[in-house]
Amino acid sequence: MIPKKFTLGGTEYRVKIEDSSIDNPVVAQVSYPEALVSISSRSKGKKCTEDYMEASFCHELVHAMLETMGKHTLREDEELVEGLANQLHQFMKTAEYNK
């Protein structure tokens, strides 16, 4: 479910999954100047689950969406971003489509 790239507001973002470990629970970050979402596959020495990495991607996606919309103050509202990201992740995991 984590894409290799996506486009928002005419900007193509790349997604990089790094096989590295970081020492905090934050496993993803977005760089606006580089149009890059980086996701670590390990946190505190333990392998992250695919579900956790997907949820982290959704969190960074919401940050990037708000940045693209020029909503810089909202982009910094972690409670809002996390709430929207959780809803988006649940939608993506449970949606069933018409054929």
C-alpha atoms as a PDB file:
ATOM      1  CA  MET A   1       0.000   0.000   0.000  1.00  0.00           C
ATOM      2  CA  ILE A   2       2.995   2.357   0.264  1.00  0.00           C
ATOM      3  CA  PRO A   3       3.625   3.859  -3.178  1.00  0.00           C
ATOM      4  CA  LYS A   4       7.009   4.485  -4.776  1.00  0.00           C
ATOM      5  CA  LYS A   5       5.866   7.959  -5.804  1.00  0.00           C
ATOM      6  CA  PHE A   6       2.796  10.178  -5.938  1.00  0.00           C
ATOM      7  CA  THR A   7       1.872  13.679  -7.118  1.00  0.00           C
ATOM      8  CA  LEU A   8       0.287  16.462  -5.092  1.00  0.00           C
ATOM      9  CA  GLY A   9      -0.345  19.938  -6.472  1.00  0.00           C
ATOM     10  CA  GLY A  10       1.885  19.300  -9.460  1.00  0.00           C
ATOM     11  CA  THR A  11       4.826  18.135  -7.333  1.00  0.00           C
ATOM     12  CA  GLU A  12       5.993  14.545  -7.661  1.00  0.00           C
ATOM     13  CA  TYR A  13       7.039  13.082  -4.317  1.00  0.00           C
ATOM     14  CA  ARG A  14       9.291  10.060  -4.062  1.00  0.00           C
ATOM     15  CA  VAL A  15       8.939   7.538  -1.251  1.00  0.00           C
ATOM     16  CA  LYS A  16      12.060   5.878   0.110  1.00  0.00           C
ATOM     17  CA  ILE A  17      11.909   2.942   2.525  1.00  0.00           C
ATOM     18  CA  GLU A  18      15.207   2.704   4.335  1.00  0.00           C
ATOM     19  CA  ASP A  19      16.432  -0.512   5.896  1.00  0.00           C
ATOM     20  CA  SER A  20      17.780   1.346   8.876  1.00  0.00           C
ATOM     21  CA  SER A  21      16.988   1.733  12.538  1.00  0.00           C
ATOM     22  CA  ILE A  22      16.270   4.923  14.399  1.00  0.00           C
ATOM     23  CA  ASP A  23      16.168   5.450  18.155  1.00  0.00           C
ATOM     24  CA  ASN A  24      12.695   6.908  18.449  1.00  0.00           C
ATOM     25  CA  PRO A  25       9.152   5.854  17.564  1.00  0.00           C
ATOM     26  CA  VAL A  26       8.928   8.332  14.663  1.00  0.00           C
ATOM     27  CA  VAL A  27       9.738   6.198  11.630  1.00  0.00           C
ATOM     28  CA  ALA A  28       8.767   8.560   8.818  1.00  0.00           C
ATOM     29  CA  GLN A  29       9.354  12.129   7.750  1.00  0.00           C
ATOM     30  CA  VAL A  30       8.613  14.345   4.772  1.00  0.00           C
ATOM     31  CA  SER A  31      11.075  16.750   3.184  1.00  0.00           C
ATOM     32  CA  TYR A  32       9.202  19.404   1.217  1.00  0.00           C
ATOM     33  CA  PRO A  33      12.251  20.860  -0.604  1.00  0.00           C
ATOM     34  CA  GLU A  34      13.282  17.380  -1.762  1.00  0.00           C
ATOM     35  CA  ALA A  35       9.676  16.193  -2.294  1.00  0.00           C
ATOM     36  CA  LEU A  36      10.650  13.037  -0.431  1.00  0.00           C
ATOM     37  CA  VAL A  37       8.945  10.844   2.159  1.00  0.00           C
ATOM     38  CA  SER A  38      11.446   8.674   4.047  1.00  0.00           C
ATOM     39  CA  ILE A  39      10.299   5.682   6.051  1.00  0.00           C
ATOM     40  CA  SER A  40      12.550   3.615   8.295  1.00  0.00           C
ATOM     41  CA  SER A  41      11.860  -0.107   8.484  1.00  0.00           C
ATOM     42  CA  ARG A  42      13.184  -0.364  12.048  1.00  0.00           C
ATOM     43  CA  SER A  43      12.571   1.567  15.267  1.00  0.00           C
ATOM     44  CA  LYS A  44      14.537   1.143  18.485  1.00  0.00           C
ATOM     45  CA  GLY A  45      16.205  -1.946  17.022  1.00  0.00           C
ATOM     46  CA  LYS A  46      12.952  -3.729  16.175  1.00  0.00           C
ATOM     47  CA  LYS A  47      11.453  -4.323  12.740  1.00  0.00           C
ATOM     48  CA  CYS A  48       8.373  -2.214  12.077  1.00  0.00           C
ATOM     49  CA  THR A  49       5.230  -3.984  10.953  1.00  0.00           C
ATOM     50  CA  GLU A  50       3.923  -3.215   7.488  1.00  0.00           C
ATOM     51  CA  ASP A  51       0.771  -1.790   9.083  1.00  0.00           C
ATOM     52  CA  TYR A  52       2.819   0.616  11.241  1.00  0.00           C
ATOM     53  CA  MET A  53       4.850   1.744   8.240  1.00  0.00           C
ATOM     54  CA  GLU A  54       1.649   2.288   6.227  1.00  0.00           C
ATOM     55  CA  ALA A  55       0.120   4.354   9.041  1.00  0.00           C
ATOM     56  CA  SER A  56       3.336   6.379   9.261  1.00  0.00           C
ATOM     57  CA  PHE A  57       3.210   6.961   5.498  1.00  0.00           C
ATOM     58  CA  CYS A  58      -0.389   8.204   5.791  1.00  0.00           C
ATOM     59  CA  HIS A  59       0.718  10.617   8.530  1.00  0.00           C
ATOM     60  CA  GLU A  60       3.401  12.109   6.285  1.00  0.00           C
ATOM     61  CA  LEU A  61       0.990  12.160   3.339  1.00  0.00           C
ATOM     62  CA  VAL A  62      -1.424  14.329   5.342  1.00  0.00           C
ATOM     63  CA  HIS A  63       1.454  16.694   6.218  1.00  0.00           C
ATOM     64  CA  ALA A  64       2.326  16.936   2.500  1.00  0.00           C
ATOM     65  CA  MET A  65      -1.324  17.494   1.508  1.00  0.00           C
ATOM     66  CA  LEU A  66      -1.699  20.357   3.969  1.00  0.00           C
ATOM     67  CA  GLU A  67       1.614  21.858   2.805  1.00  0.00           C
ATOM     68  CA  THR A  68       0.453  21.670  -0.820  1.00  0.00           C
ATOM     69  CA  MET A  69      -2.783  23.428   0.159  1.00  0.00           C
ATOM     70  CA  GLY A  70      -0.811  26.242   1.826  1.00  0.00           C
ATOM     71  CA  LYS A  71      -2.214  25.317   5.240  1.00  0.00           C
ATOM     72  CA  HIS A  72       1.104  25.725   7.077  1.00  0.00           C
ATOM     73  CA  THR A  73      -0.429  26.219  10.530  1.00  0.00           C
ATOM     74  CA  LEU A  74      -2.629  23.136  10.162  1.00  0.00           C
ATOM     75  CA  ARG A  75       0.357  21.192   8.819  1.00  0.00           C
ATOM     76  CA  GLU A  76       2.015  21.693  12.212  1.00  0.00           C
ATOM     77  CA  ASP A  77      -1.040  20.511  14.178  1.00  0.00           C
ATOM     78  CA  GLU A  78       0.081  16.966  15.022  1.00  0.00           C
ATOM     79  CA  GLU A  79      -3.225  16.036  16.650  1.00  0.00           C
ATOM     80  CA  LEU A  80      -5.142  16.985  13.497  1.00  0.00           C
ATOM     81  CA  VAL A  81      -2.602  15.313  11.214  1.00  0.00           C
ATOM     82  CA  GLU A  82      -2.629  12.095  13.225  1.00  0.00           C
ATOM     83  CA  GLY A  83      -6.437  11.996  13.331  1.00  0.00           C
ATOM     84  CA  LEU A  84      -6.743  12.495   9.573  1.00  0.00           C
ATOM     85  CA  ALA A  85      -3.955   9.982   8.925  1.00  0.00           C
ATOM     86  CA  ASN A  86      -5.658   7.331  11.058  1.00  0.00           C
ATOM     87  CA  GLN A  87      -8.936   7.831   9.201  1.00  0.00           C
ATOM     88  CA  LEU A  88      -7.175   7.713   5.822  1.00  0.00           C
ATOM     89  CA  HIS A  89      -5.253   4.557   6.748  1.00  0.00           C
ATOM     90  CA  GLN A  90      -8.402   2.804   7.953  1.00  0.00           C
ATOM     91  CA  PHE A  91     -10.187   3.781   4.734  1.00  0.00           C
ATOM     92  CA  MET A  92      -7.342   2.452   2.590  1.00  0.00           C
ATOM     93  CA  LYS A  93      -7.228  -0.836   4.499  1.00  0.00           C
ATOM     94  CA  THR A  94     -10.971  -1.494   4.454  1.00  0.00           C
ATOM     95  CA  ALA A  95     -12.322   0.015   1.216  1.00  0.00           C
ATOM     96  CA  GLU A  96     -14.091  -2.329  -1.158  1.00  0.00           C
ATOM     97  CA  TYR A  97     -14.537  -1.169  -4.734  1.00  0.00           C
ATOM     98  CA  ASN A  98     -17.234  -1.736  -7.332  1.00  0.00           C
ATOM     99  CA  LYS A  99     -16.124  -3.598 -10.415  1.00  0.00           C
END
